[in-house]
């Protein structure tokens, strides 16, 4: 904390369920109990990791940040998180820009006067998922936030939900050894 120049952190996550993540979780709980961290959570935890964590933790994770986008929706994991009061944060929500080439997303966007990126981010918003799209471009960042003047219909949502292919962009949490 001293090196960072902060009295506390707002959120501290375990990035991958590798090595001794159980011991790391206990350390995060200590930091939380000491007031040095306001919230603790995990990243890339699948249902089996999360179920194990929920059995051993004294403090539930506030967040599970994992890969989620139209081609990798992980609905069981989202439901498990939501059922346990764990906020879901989607990383790589626009598939590194690949959503711009998904015909269904483009068509929905044309219907609403929005881009496929905006449609994807709105879909996540309507699912109750926090999205963290990456951009350093000011215009893209502003467009990514322009999501509140339209709503996707049930048919739009169903069309996007049907795109799930189980296709990862990043590594699989069970095989990642970072």
Protein backbone atom coordinates (compact mmCIF):
# COMPACT_ATOMS: atom_id res chain seq x y z
CA UNK A 1 0.00 0.00 0.00
CA UNK A 2 2.85 2.28 0.82
CA UNK A 3 4.40 1.82 -2.64
CA UNK A 4 1.03 2.47 -4.28
CA UNK A 5 0.46 5.55 -2.15
CA UNK A 6 -2.98 4.42 -0.98
CA UNK A 7 -4.52 3.74 2.41
CA UNK A 8 -6.76 1.04 0.92
CA UNK A 9 -7.76 -0.59 -2.37
CA UNK A 10 -11.33 -0.56 -3.64
CA UNK A 11 -11.16 -4.05 -5.16
CA UNK A 12 -8.54 -6.79 -5.14
CA UNK A 13 -8.95 -9.91 -7.32
CA UNK A 14 -7.25 -13.26 -7.64
CA UNK A 15 -6.54 -13.23 -11.38
CA UNK A 16 -6.51 -16.97 -12.16
CA UNK A 17 -7.44 -20.08 -10.16
CA UNK A 18 -3.88 -21.45 -10.26
CA UNK A 19 -1.27 -22.55 -7.75
CA UNK A 20 -2.40 -21.87 -4.18
CA UNK A 21 -5.49 -19.80 -4.91
CA UNK A 22 -7.06 -21.01 -1.66
CA UNK A 23 -4.19 -19.54 0.37
CA UNK A 24 -4.39 -16.37 -1.71
CA UNK A 25 -8.11 -16.12 -0.88
CA UNK A 26 -7.37 -16.39 2.85
CA UNK A 27 -4.83 -13.57 2.45
CA UNK A 28 -7.44 -11.43 0.68
CA UNK A 29 -9.91 -12.08 3.49
CA UNK A 30 -7.31 -10.86 5.99
CA UNK A 31 -6.74 -7.68 3.98
CA UNK A 32 -10.50 -7.16 3.84
CA UNK A 33 -10.92 -7.70 7.59
CA UNK A 34 -8.09 -5.22 8.26
CA UNK A 35 -9.90 -2.63 6.13
CA UNK A 36 -7.03 -2.41 3.65
CA UNK A 37 -9.29 -3.65 0.85
CA UNK A 38 -12.92 -2.62 0.47
CA UNK A 39 -13.96 -5.57 -1.71
CA UNK A 40 -12.38 -8.85 -2.78
CA UNK A 41 -13.13 -11.09 -5.70
CA UNK A 42 -11.91 -13.50 -8.30
CA UNK A 43 -11.22 -13.58 -11.97
CA UNK A 44 -11.58 -16.52 -14.34
CA UNK A 45 -13.19 -18.81 -11.76
CA UNK A 46 -15.40 -21.46 -13.36
CA UNK A 47 -18.32 -23.09 -11.51
CA UNK A 48 -16.18 -25.82 -9.91
CA UNK A 49 -13.68 -23.22 -8.64
CA UNK A 50 -16.43 -20.93 -7.40
CA UNK A 51 -18.36 -23.73 -5.69
CA UNK A 52 -15.20 -24.79 -3.86
CA UNK A 53 -14.47 -21.19 -2.86
CA UNK A 54 -18.01 -20.72 -1.56
CA UNK A 55 -17.53 -23.79 0.66
CA UNK A 56 -14.30 -22.53 2.27
CA UNK A 57 -14.64 -18.74 2.36
CA UNK A 58 -15.72 -16.62 5.28
CA UNK A 59 -16.21 -13.63 2.98
CA UNK A 60 -17.98 -14.17 -0.33
CA UNK A 61 -16.33 -12.72 -3.42
CA UNK A 62 -17.90 -9.45 -4.54
CA UNK A 63 -16.97 -10.04 -8.18
CA UNK A 64 -16.09 -12.78 -10.64
CA UNK A 65 -14.44 -11.27 -13.69
CA UNK A 66 -14.33 -13.74 -16.57
CA UNK A 67 -14.37 -13.95 -20.35
CA UNK A 68 -17.89 -13.36 -21.60
CA UNK A 69 -19.11 -12.28 -25.02
CA UNK A 70 -21.66 -13.44 -27.62
CA UNK A 71 -19.55 -16.48 -28.59
CA UNK A 72 -18.74 -17.47 -24.95
CA UNK A 73 -21.70 -16.75 -22.69
CA UNK A 74 -21.22 -19.23 -19.81
CA UNK A 75 -24.85 -18.95 -18.62
CA UNK A 76 -24.42 -21.50 -15.81
CA UNK A 77 -21.52 -19.52 -14.38
CA UNK A 78 -23.46 -16.26 -14.65
CA UNK A 79 -26.43 -17.82 -12.86
CA UNK A 80 -24.21 -19.25 -10.11
CA UNK A 81 -22.68 -15.82 -9.56
CA UNK A 82 -25.99 -14.00 -9.60
CA UNK A 83 -27.60 -16.58 -7.26
CA UNK A 84 -24.78 -15.95 -4.77
CA UNK A 85 -24.76 -12.16 -4.97
CA UNK A 86 -21.50 -12.07 -6.92
CA UNK A 87 -21.28 -9.34 -9.54
CA UNK A 88 -20.27 -10.58 -12.99
CA UNK A 89 -17.72 -8.57 -14.94
CA UNK A 90 -17.15 -9.55 -18.57
CA UNK A 91 -13.66 -9.21 -19.95
CA UNK A 92 -13.14 -9.19 -23.71
CA UNK A 93 -16.87 -8.45 -24.15
CA UNK A 94 -16.46 -7.27 -27.74
CA UNK A 95 -14.18 -10.16 -28.72
CA UNK A 96 -11.25 -7.85 -29.54
CA UNK A 97 -13.48 -6.06 -32.06
CA UNK A 98 -14.69 -9.26 -33.74
CA UNK A 99 -18.31 -8.44 -32.87
CA UNK A 100 -18.15 -5.91 -35.73
CA UNK A 101 -18.13 -8.85 -38.16
CA UNK A 102 -21.00 -10.83 -36.60
CA UNK A 103 -23.92 -10.42 -39.04
CA UNK A 104 -26.63 -10.83 -36.39
CA UNK A 105 -25.10 -8.10 -34.22
CA UNK A 106 -24.65 -5.79 -37.20
CA UNK A 107 -28.30 -6.31 -38.21
CA UNK A 108 -29.59 -5.61 -34.70
CA UNK A 109 -27.39 -2.52 -34.62
CA UNK A 110 -28.78 -1.24 -37.92
CA UNK A 111 -32.31 -1.65 -36.56
CA UNK A 112 -31.43 0.53 -33.54
CA UNK A 113 -29.02 2.94 -35.23
CA UNK A 114 -26.14 1.51 -33.18
CA UNK A 115 -22.93 -0.39 -33.81
CA UNK A 116 -22.46 -4.10 -33.17
CA UNK A 117 -20.22 -3.10 -30.26
CA UNK A 118 -22.97 -1.00 -28.70
CA UNK A 119 -25.48 -3.81 -29.22
CA UNK A 120 -23.14 -6.26 -27.48
CA UNK A 121 -22.53 -3.93 -24.55
CA UNK A 122 -26.26 -3.23 -24.24
CA UNK A 123 -26.95 -7.00 -24.25
CA UNK A 124 -24.57 -7.42 -21.32
CA UNK A 125 -26.11 -4.46 -19.52
CA UNK A 126 -29.58 -5.97 -19.89
CA UNK A 127 -28.25 -9.27 -18.52
CA UNK A 128 -27.00 -7.44 -15.43
CA UNK A 129 -23.36 -7.94 -16.37
CA UNK A 130 -20.64 -5.31 -15.99
CA UNK A 131 -18.61 -4.96 -19.19
CA UNK A 132 -15.04 -3.74 -19.40
CA UNK A 133 -14.29 -3.15 -23.08
CA UNK A 134 -10.73 -2.09 -23.76
CA UNK A 135 -10.01 1.04 -25.74
CA UNK A 136 -7.60 3.96 -25.68
CA UNK A 137 -9.49 5.77 -28.44
CA UNK A 138 -11.59 8.64 -27.04
CA UNK A 139 -14.36 8.29 -29.66
CA UNK A 140 -14.68 4.55 -29.04
CA UNK A 141 -14.76 5.04 -25.28
CA UNK A 142 -17.58 7.59 -25.69
CA UNK A 143 -19.47 5.30 -28.10
CA UNK A 144 -19.05 2.39 -25.65
CA UNK A 145 -20.86 4.47 -23.01
CA UNK A 146 -23.69 5.53 -25.36
CA UNK A 147 -25.98 2.64 -24.41
CA UNK A 148 -28.87 4.22 -22.57
CA UNK A 149 -31.02 5.56 -25.40
CA UNK A 150 -32.14 2.17 -26.70
CA UNK A 151 -33.24 -1.20 -25.41
CA UNK A 152 -32.92 -4.61 -26.99
CA UNK A 153 -36.18 -6.49 -27.51
CA UNK A 154 -36.74 -10.05 -26.31
CA UNK A 155 -36.18 -11.20 -29.90
CA UNK A 156 -32.89 -9.25 -30.08
CA UNK A 157 -31.77 -10.81 -26.80
CA UNK A 158 -32.75 -14.30 -28.00
CA UNK A 159 -30.82 -13.79 -31.25
CA UNK A 160 -27.68 -12.83 -29.33
CA UNK A 161 -28.15 -15.63 -26.80
CA UNK A 162 -28.27 -18.10 -29.71
CA UNK A 163 -24.77 -17.03 -30.84
CA UNK A 164 -23.04 -18.91 -28.00
CA UNK A 165 -20.42 -21.27 -29.43
CA UNK A 166 -18.30 -21.84 -26.34
CA UNK A 167 -15.46 -20.11 -28.22
CA UNK A 168 -12.71 -18.62 -26.07
CA UNK A 169 -10.43 -15.75 -27.05
CA UNK A 170 -8.26 -16.10 -23.96
CA UNK A 171 -6.84 -19.15 -22.20
CA UNK A 172 -9.02 -21.72 -20.46
CA UNK A 173 -8.90 -21.29 -16.66
CA UNK A 174 -8.34 -25.02 -16.11
CA UNK A 175 -5.22 -25.11 -18.30
CA UNK A 176 -3.76 -21.63 -17.76
CA UNK A 177 -0.43 -21.73 -15.96
CA UNK A 178 0.61 -18.05 -16.01
